PDB file of N, CA and C in Angstrom:
ATOM      1  N   MET A   1     192.996   9.581  -6.037  1.00  0.00           N
ATOM      2  CA  MET A   1     194.201   9.675  -6.698  1.00  0.00           C
ATOM      3  C   MET A   1     195.053  10.900  -6.370  1.00  0.00           C
ATOM      4  N   ALA A   2     194.410  12.109  -6.185  1.00  0.00           N
ATOM      5  CA  ALA A   2     195.137  13.322  -5.815  1.00  0.00           C
ATOM      6  C   ALA A   2     195.668  13.138  -4.577  1.00  0.00           C
ATOM      7  N   GLY A   3     194.922  12.425  -3.612  1.00  0.00           N
ATOM      8  CA  GLY A   3     195.436  12.225  -2.265  1.00  0.00           C
ATOM      9  C   GLY A   3     196.716  11.311  -2.261  1.00  0.00           C
ATOM     10  N   SER A   4     196.787  10.336  -3.087  1.00  0.00           N
ATOM     11  CA  SER A   4     197.869   9.477  -3.123  1.00  0.00           C
ATOM     12  C   SER A   4     199.113  10.252  -3.659  1.00  0.00           C
ATOM     13  N   ALA A   5     198.945  11.086  -4.717  1.00  0.00           N
ATOM     14  CA  ALA A   5     200.038  11.970  -5.240  1.00  0.00           C
ATOM     15  C   ALA A   5     200.552  12.914  -4.148  1.00  0.00           C
ATOM     16  N   LEU A   6     199.559  13.470  -3.396  1.00  0.00           N
ATOM     17  CA  LEU A   6     200.043  14.416  -2.241  1.00  0.00           C
ATOM     18  C   LEU A   6     200.753  13.647  -1.173  1.00  0.00           C
ATOM     19  N   LEU A   7     200.353  12.469  -0.872  1.00  0.00           N
ATOM     20  CA  LEU A   7     201.018  11.681   0.077  1.00  0.00           C
ATOM     21  C   LEU A   7     202.457  11.323  -0.387  1.00  0.00           C
ATOM     22  N   LEU A   8     202.619  10.933  -1.633  1.00  0.00           N
ATOM     23  CA  LEU A   8     203.867  10.682  -2.170  1.00  0.00           C
ATOM     24  C   LEU A   8     204.832  11.872  -2.139  1.00  0.00           C
ATOM     25  N   LEU A   9     204.264  13.014  -2.487  1.00  0.00           N
ATOM     26  CA  LEU A   9     205.074  14.268  -2.551  1.00  0.00           C
ATOM     27  C   LEU A   9     205.499  14.541  -0.964  1.00  0.00           C
ATOM     28  N   VAL A  10     204.592  14.413  -0.094  1.00  0.00           N
ATOM     29  CA  VAL A  10     204.906  14.672   1.313  1.00  0.00           C
ATOM     30  C   VAL A  10     206.050  13.705   1.705  1.00  0.00           C
ATOM     31  N   LEU A  11     205.870  12.493   1.426  1.00  0.00           N
ATOM     32  CA  LEU A  11     206.908  11.460   1.770  1.00  0.00           C
ATOM     33  C   LEU A  11     208.281  11.744   1.187  1.00  0.00           C
ATOM     34  N   PHE A  12     208.290  12.129  -0.069  1.00  0.00           N
ATOM     35  CA  PHE A  12     209.459  12.502  -0.813  1.00  0.00           C
ATOM     36  C   PHE A  12     210.127  13.721  -0.096  1.00  0.00           C
ATOM     37  N   LEU A  13     209.411  14.764   0.164  1.00  0.00           N
ATOM     38  CA  LEU A  13     209.921  15.986   0.828  1.00  0.00           C
ATOM     39  C   LEU A  13     210.458  15.672   2.264  1.00  0.00           C
ATOM     40  N   TRP A  14     209.729  14.818   2.991  1.00  0.00           N
ATOM     41  CA  TRP A  14     210.167  14.458   4.328  1.00  0.00           C
ATOM     42  C   TRP A  14     211.528  13.712   4.247  1.00  0.00           C
ATOM     43  N   PHE A  15     211.603  12.712   3.344  1.00  0.00           N
ATOM     44  CA  PHE A  15     212.792  11.981   3.085  1.00  0.00           C
ATOM     45  C   PHE A  15     214.058  12.895   2.778  1.00  0.00           C
ATOM     46  N   ALA A  16     213.775  13.779   1.798  1.00  0.00           N
ATOM     47  CA  ALA A  16     214.782  14.674   1.397  1.00  0.00           C
ATOM     48  C   ALA A  16     215.333  15.573   2.503  1.00  0.00           C
ATOM     49  N   LEU A  17     214.303  16.135   3.242  1.00  0.00           N
ATOM     50  CA  LEU A  17     214.741  16.994   4.345  1.00  0.00           C
ATOM     51  C   LEU A  17     215.368  16.198   5.489  1.00  0.00           C
ATOM     52  N   HIS A  18     214.898  15.048   5.696  1.00  0.00           N
ATOM     53  CA  HIS A  18     215.571  14.175   6.711  1.00  0.00           C
ATOM     54  C   HIS A  18     217.033  13.924   6.391  1.00  0.00           C
ATOM     55  N   ARG A  19     217.311  13.599   5.175  1.00  0.00           N
ATOM     56  CA  ARG A  19     218.663  13.388   4.702  1.00  0.00           C
ATOM     57  C   ARG A  19     219.516  14.617   4.772  1.00  0.00           C
ATOM     58  N   LEU A  20     218.966  15.746   4.350  1.00  0.00           N
ATOM     59  CA  LEU A  20     219.580  17.085   4.410  1.00  0.00           C
ATOM     60  C   LEU A  20     220.054  17.419   5.821  1.00  0.00           C
ATOM     61  N   LEU A  21     219.286  17.040   6.789  1.00  0.00           N
ATOM     62  CA  LEU A  21     219.536  17.382   8.210  1.00  0.00           C
ATOM     63  C   LEU A  21     220.469  16.379   8.865  1.00  0.00           C
ATOM     64  N   THR A  22     220.225  15.066   8.558  1.00  0.00           N
ATOM     65  CA  THR A  22     221.008  14.076   9.302  1.00  0.00           C
ATOM     66  C   THR A  22     222.315  13.803   8.826  1.00  0.00           C
ATOM     67  N   ARG A  23     222.630  14.056   7.575  1.00  0.00           N
ATOM     68  CA  ARG A  23     223.966  13.810   7.061  1.00  0.00           C
ATOM     69  C   ARG A  23     225.009  14.677   7.731  1.00  0.00           C
ATOM     70  N   PRO A  24     224.851  15.945   7.814  1.00  0.00           N
ATOM     71  CA  PRO A  24     225.860  16.736   8.580  1.00  0.00           C
ATOM     72  C   PRO A  24     226.028  16.321   9.977  1.00  0.00           C
ATOM     73  N   VAL A  25     224.999  15.984  10.676  1.00  0.00           N
ATOM     74  CA  VAL A  25     225.069  15.582  12.074  1.00  0.00           C
ATOM     75  C   VAL A  25     225.860  14.270  12.117  1.00  0.00           C
ATOM     76  N   GLN A  26     225.524  13.337  11.217  1.00  0.00           N
ATOM     77  CA  GLN A  26     226.322  12.099  11.192  1.00  0.00           C
ATOM     78  C   GLN A  26     227.867  12.328  10.978  1.00  0.00           C
ATOM     79  N   ALA A  27     228.162  13.246  10.046  1.00  0.00           N
ATOM     80  CA  ALA A  27     229.521  13.601   9.759  1.00  0.00           C
ATOM     81  C   ALA A  27     230.206  14.177  11.053  1.00  0.00           C
ATOM     82  N   LEU A  28     229.520  15.039  11.757  1.00  0.00           N
ATOM     83  CA  LEU A  28     230.031  15.638  13.018  1.00  0.00           C
ATOM     84  C   LEU A  28     230.255  14.640  14.092  1.00  0.00           C
ATOM     85  N   VAL A  29     229.274  13.669  14.160  1.00  0.00           N
ATOM     86  CA  VAL A  29     229.400  12.632  15.239  1.00  0.00           C
ATOM     87  C   VAL A  29     230.646  11.770  14.857  1.00  0.00           C
ATOM     88  N   LYS A  30     230.799  11.406  13.613  1.00  0.00           N
ATOM     89  CA  LYS A  30     231.941  10.521  13.242  1.00  0.00           C
ATOM     90  C   LYS A  30     233.284  11.288  13.507  1.00  0.00           C
ATOM     91  N   THR A  31     233.315  12.567  13.208  1.00  0.00           N
ATOM     92  CA  THR A  31     234.538  13.400  13.381  1.00  0.00           C
ATOM     93  C   THR A  31     234.903  13.481  14.938  1.00  0.00           C
ATOM     94  N   THR A  32     233.790  13.664  15.701  1.00  0.00           N
ATOM     95  CA  THR A  32     233.997  13.821  17.074  1.00  0.00           C
ATOM     96  C   THR A  32     234.582  12.494  17.776  1.00  0.00           C
ATOM     97  N   ARG A  33     234.042  11.383  17.251  1.00  0.00           N
ATOM     98  CA  ARG A  33     234.513  10.050  17.721  1.00  0.00           C
ATOM     99  C   ARG A  33     235.918   9.876  17.323  1.00  0.00           C
ATOM    100  N   THR A  34     236.321  10.319  16.094  1.00  0.00           N
ATOM    101  CA  THR A  34     237.719  10.189  15.733  1.00  0.00           C
ATOM    102  C   THR A  34     238.637  11.036  16.591  1.00  0.00           C
ATOM    103  N   PHE A  35     238.109  12.235  16.977  1.00  0.00           N
ATOM    104  CA  PHE A  35     239.001  13.090  17.838  1.00  0.00           C
ATOM    105  C   PHE A  35     239.126  12.519  19.224  1.00  0.00           C
ATOM    106  N   SER A  36     238.000  11.860  19.692  1.00  0.00           N
ATOM    107  CA  SER A  36     238.081  11.182  21.055  1.00  0.00           C
ATOM    108  C   SER A  36     239.114  10.015  21.049  1.00  0.00           C
ATOM    109  N   GLU A  37     239.425   9.561  19.845  1.00  0.00           N
ATOM    110  CA  GLU A  37     240.433   8.403  19.775  1.00  0.00           C
ATOM    111  C   GLU A  37     241.839   8.956  19.673  1.00  0.00           C
ATOM    112  N   GLY A  38     242.020  10.334  19.632  1.00  0.00           N
ATOM    113  CA  GLY A  38     243.258  10.906  19.548  1.00  0.00           C
ATOM    114  C   GLY A  38     243.756  11.264  18.233  1.00  0.00           C
ATOM    115  N   ASP A  39     242.957  11.050  17.173  1.00  0.00           N
ATOM    116  CA  ASP A  39     243.267  11.510  15.755  1.00  0.00           C
ATOM    117  C   ASP A  39     242.631  12.726  15.514  1.00  0.00           C
ATOM    118  N   TYR A  40     243.443  13.768  15.418  1.00  0.00           N
ATOM    119  CA  TYR A  40     242.954  15.143  15.260  1.00  0.00           C
ATOM    120  C   TYR A  40     242.918  15.536  13.812  1.00  0.00           C
ATOM    121  N   ARG A  41     243.363  14.652  12.870  1.00  0.00           N
ATOM    122  CA  ARG A  41     243.358  15.023  11.473  1.00  0.00           C
ATOM    123  C   ARG A  41     242.036  14.939  10.774  1.00  0.00           C
ATOM    124  N   ALA A  42     241.087  14.385  11.428  1.00  0.00           N
ATOM    125  CA  ALA A  42     239.764  14.285  10.840  1.00  0.00           C
ATOM    126  C   ALA A  42     239.114  15.587  10.694  1.00  0.00           C
ATOM    127  N   SER A  43     238.105  15.713   9.736  1.00  0.00           N
ATOM    128  CA  SER A  43     237.325  16.901   9.581  1.00  0.00           C
ATOM    129  C   SER A  43     235.952  16.497   8.940  1.00  0.00           C
ATOM    130  N   ALA A  44     234.958  17.142   9.396  1.00  0.00           N
ATOM    131  CA  ALA A  44     233.645  16.813   8.957  1.00  0.00           C
ATOM    132  C   ALA A  44     233.476  17.359   7.537  1.00  0.00           C
ATOM    133  N   ASN A  45     234.211  18.353   7.099  1.00  0.00           N
ATOM    134  CA  ASN A  45     234.164  18.944   5.835  1.00  0.00           C
ATOM    135  C   ASN A  45     232.733  19.512   5.467  1.00  0.00           C
ATOM    136  N   ILE A  46     232.072  20.135   6.326  1.00  0.00           N
ATOM    137  CA  ILE A  46     230.794  20.737   6.098  1.00  0.00           C
ATOM    138  C   ILE A  46     231.056  22.204   5.749  1.00  0.00           C
ATOM    139  N   THR A  47     230.668  22.494   4.503  1.00  0.00           N
ATOM    140  CA  THR A  47     230.902  23.803   4.009  1.00  0.00           C
ATOM    141  C   THR A  47     229.642  24.658   4.064  1.00  0.00           C
ATOM    142  N   ALA A  48     228.608  24.160   4.617  1.00  0.00           N
ATOM    143  CA  ALA A  48     227.393  25.004   4.641  1.00  0.00           C
ATOM    144  C   ALA A  48     227.577  26.277   5.395  1.00  0.00           C
ATOM    145  N   LYS A  49     226.868  27.292   4.997  1.00  0.00           N
ATOM    146  CA  LYS A  49     226.848  28.591   5.688  1.00  0.00           C
ATOM    147  C   LYS A  49     225.855  28.789   6.744  1.00  0.00           C
ATOM    148  N   ASN A  50     225.726  27.770   7.602  1.00  0.00           N
ATOM    149  CA  ASN A  50     224.777  27.784   8.662  1.00  0.00           C
ATOM    150  C   ASN A  50     225.328  27.270   9.952  1.00  0.00           C
ATOM    151  N   GLU A  51     224.555  26.861  10.822  1.00  0.00           N
ATOM    152  CA  GLU A  51     224.993  26.473  12.137  1.00  0.00           C
ATOM    153  C   GLU A  51     225.853  25.186  12.108  1.00  0.00           C
ATOM    154  N   MET A  52     225.522  24.326  11.172  1.00  0.00           N
ATOM    155  CA  MET A  52     226.297  23.061  10.949  1.00  0.00           C
ATOM    156  C   MET A  52     227.615  23.417  10.536  1.00  0.00           C
ATOM    157  N   GLY A  53     227.852  24.339   9.569  1.00  0.00           N
ATOM    158  CA  GLY A  53     229.065  24.784   9.089  1.00  0.00           C
ATOM    159  C   GLY A  53     229.976  25.409  10.148  1.00  0.00           C
ATOM    160  N   GLU A  54     229.245  26.259  10.991  1.00  0.00           N
ATOM    161  CA  GLU A  54     229.941  26.876  12.045  1.00  0.00           C
ATOM    162  C   GLU A  54     230.432  25.882  13.114  1.00  0.00           C
ATOM    163  N   LEU A  55     229.642  24.831  13.380  1.00  0.00           N
ATOM    164  CA  LEU A  55     230.031  23.846  14.295  1.00  0.00           C
ATOM    165  C   LEU A  55     231.216  22.972  13.796  1.00  0.00           C
ATOM    166  N   SER A  56     231.137  22.705  12.488  1.00  0.00           N
ATOM    167  CA  SER A  56     232.314  22.043  11.807  1.00  0.00           C
ATOM    168  C   SER A  56     233.553  22.706  11.981  1.00  0.00           C
ATOM    169  N   ILE A  57     233.496  24.139  11.730  1.00  0.00           N
ATOM    170  CA  ILE A  57     234.698  24.885  11.901  1.00  0.00           C
ATOM    171  C   ILE A  57     235.207  24.974  13.279  1.00  0.00           C
ATOM    172  N   ALA A  58     234.268  25.011  14.229  1.00  0.00           N
ATOM    173  CA  ALA A  58     234.642  25.085  15.667  1.00  0.00           C
ATOM    174  C   ALA A  58     235.224  23.772  16.084  1.00  0.00           C
ATOM    175  N   LEU A  59     234.759  22.635  15.537  1.00  0.00           N
ATOM    176  CA  LEU A  59     235.428  21.309  15.887  1.00  0.00           C
ATOM    177  C   LEU A  59     236.896  21.225  15.300  1.00  0.00           C
ATOM    178  N   ASP A  60     236.924  21.747  14.065  1.00  0.00           N
ATOM    179  CA  ASP A  60     238.216  21.682  13.454  1.00  0.00           C
ATOM    180  C   ASP A  60     239.220  22.539  14.294  1.00  0.00           C
ATOM    181  N   THR A  61     238.787  23.730  14.671  1.00  0.00           N
ATOM    182  CA  THR A  61     239.619  24.581  15.596  1.00  0.00           C
ATOM    183  C   THR A  61     239.961  23.944  16.869  1.00  0.00           C
ATOM    184  N   MET A  62     239.070  23.238  17.416  1.00  0.00           N
ATOM    185  CA  MET A  62     239.226  22.577  18.741  1.00  0.00           C
ATOM    186  C   MET A  62     240.310  21.509  18.533  1.00  0.00           C
ATOM    187  N   ALA A  63     240.160  20.685  17.457  1.00  0.00           N
ATOM    188  CA  ALA A  63     241.103  19.646  17.146  1.00  0.00           C
ATOM    189  C   ALA A  63     242.551  20.210  17.019  1.00  0.00           C
ATOM    190  N   GLU A  64     242.668  21.231  16.303  1.00  0.00           N
ATOM    191  CA  GLU A  64     243.994  21.907  16.039  1.00  0.00           C
ATOM    192  C   GLU A  64     244.646  22.314  17.389  1.00  0.00           C
ATOM    193  N   THR A  65     243.821  22.939  18.263  1.00  0.00           N
ATOM    194  CA  THR A  65     244.179  23.373  19.628  1.00  0.00           C
ATOM    195  C   THR A  65     244.661  22.228  20.448  1.00  0.00           C
ATOM    196  N   ALA A  66     243.839  21.226  20.379  1.00  0.00           N
ATOM    197  CA  ALA A  66     244.159  20.009  21.234  1.00  0.00           C
ATOM    198  C   ALA A  66     245.420  19.312  20.752  1.00  0.00           C
ATOM    199  N   GLN A  67     245.607  19.257  19.386  1.00  0.00           N
ATOM    200  CA  GLN A  67     246.856  18.580  18.948  1.00  0.00           C
ATOM    201  C   GLN A  67     248.086  19.417  19.227  1.00  0.00           C
ATOM    202  N   GLU A  68     247.914  20.778  19.137  1.00  0.00           N
ATOM    203  CA  GLU A  68     249.074  21.651  19.498  1.00  0.00           C
ATOM    204  C   GLU A  68     249.422  21.504  20.948  1.00  0.00           C
ATOM    205  N   ARG A  69     248.409  21.476  21.829  1.00  0.00           N
ATOM    206  CA  ARG A  69     248.706  21.233  23.240  1.00  0.00           C
ATOM    207  C   ARG A  69     249.274  19.888  23.516  1.00  0.00           C
ATOM    208  N   GLU A  70     248.866  18.907  22.866  1.00  0.00           N
ATOM    209  CA  GLU A  70     249.417  17.546  23.110  1.00  0.00           C
ATOM    210  C   GLU A  70     250.862  17.514  22.662  1.00  0.00           C
ATOM    211  N   GLN A  71     251.137  18.150  21.542  1.00  0.00           N
ATOM    212  CA  GLN A  71     252.479  18.147  21.054  1.00  0.00           C
ATOM    213  C   GLN A  71     253.383  19.002  22.080  1.00  0.00           C
ATOM    214  N   ALA A  72     252.831  20.071  22.585  1.00  0.00           N
ATOM    215  CA  ALA A  72     253.622  20.910  23.521  1.00  0.00           C
ATOM    216  C   ALA A  72     253.912  20.117  24.778  1.00  0.00           C
ATOM    217  N   GLN A  73     252.968  19.290  25.296  1.00  0.00           N
ATOM    218  CA  GLN A  73     253.203  18.489  26.406  1.00  0.00           C
ATOM    219  C   GLN A  73     254.289  17.430  26.159  1.00  0.00           C
ATOM    220  N   VAL A  74     254.255  16.782  24.953  1.00  0.00           N
ATOM    221  CA  VAL A  74     255.294  15.886  24.525  1.00  0.00           C
ATOM    222  C   VAL A  74     256.692  16.522  24.561  1.00  0.00           C
ATOM    223  N   ARG A  75     256.751  17.721  24.024  1.00  0.00           N
ATOM    224  CA  ARG A  75     258.082  18.488  24.049  1.00  0.00           C
ATOM    225  C   ARG A  75     258.531  18.777  25.339  1.00  0.00           C
ATOM    226  N   SER A  76     257.627  19.198  26.243  1.00  0.00           N
ATOM    227  CA  SER A  76     257.942  19.569  27.608  1.00  0.00           C
ATOM    228  C   SER A  76     258.468  18.262  28.370  1.00  0.00           C
ATOM    229  N   ARG A  77     257.832  17.190  28.119  1.00  0.00           N
ATOM    230  CA  ARG A  77     258.240  15.932  28.786  1.00  0.00           C
ATOM    231  C   ARG A  77     259.652  15.527  28.366  1.00  0.00           C
ATOM    232  N   ARG A  78     259.956  15.729  27.044  1.00  0.00           N
ATOM    233  CA  ARG A  78     261.333  15.405  26.424  1.00  0.00           C
ATOM    234  C   ARG A  78     262.329  16.265  27.054  1.00  0.00           C
ATOM    235  N   LEU A  79     261.942  17.582  27.208  1.00  0.00           N
ATOM    236  CA  LEU A  79     262.951  18.509  27.806  1.00  0.00           C
ATOM    237  C   LEU A  79     263.189  18.256  29.263  1.00  0.00           C
ATOM    238  N   ALA A  80     262.208  17.693  29.948  1.00  0.00           N
ATOM    239  CA  ALA A  80     262.367  17.482  31.453  1.00  0.00           C
ATOM    240  C   ALA A  80     263.142  16.209  31.679  1.00  0.00           C
ATOM    241  N   GLN A  81     263.324  15.404  30.734  1.00  0.00           N
ATOM    242  CA  GLN A  81     264.137  14.155  30.979  1.00  0.00           C
ATOM    243  C   GLN A  81     265.600  14.349  30.934  1.00  0.00           C
TER     244      GLN A  81
END
């Protein structure tokens, strides 16, 4: 009986930890795919104070920079015409 309770506890903890780790990764993947389609408005919105949060901020910064560069290229092309 105690063995079954321990097994259930381990499974619950594994499931909770698995979700805790995979949700931010899935959000980052979704955001990255959106960026690759040219939509830089997306954000993973990860507010954790760990590496996942830092990666989310870095992706947001990268998207802002890419959007600014893309807009600058469009303006340059317009001026060149």
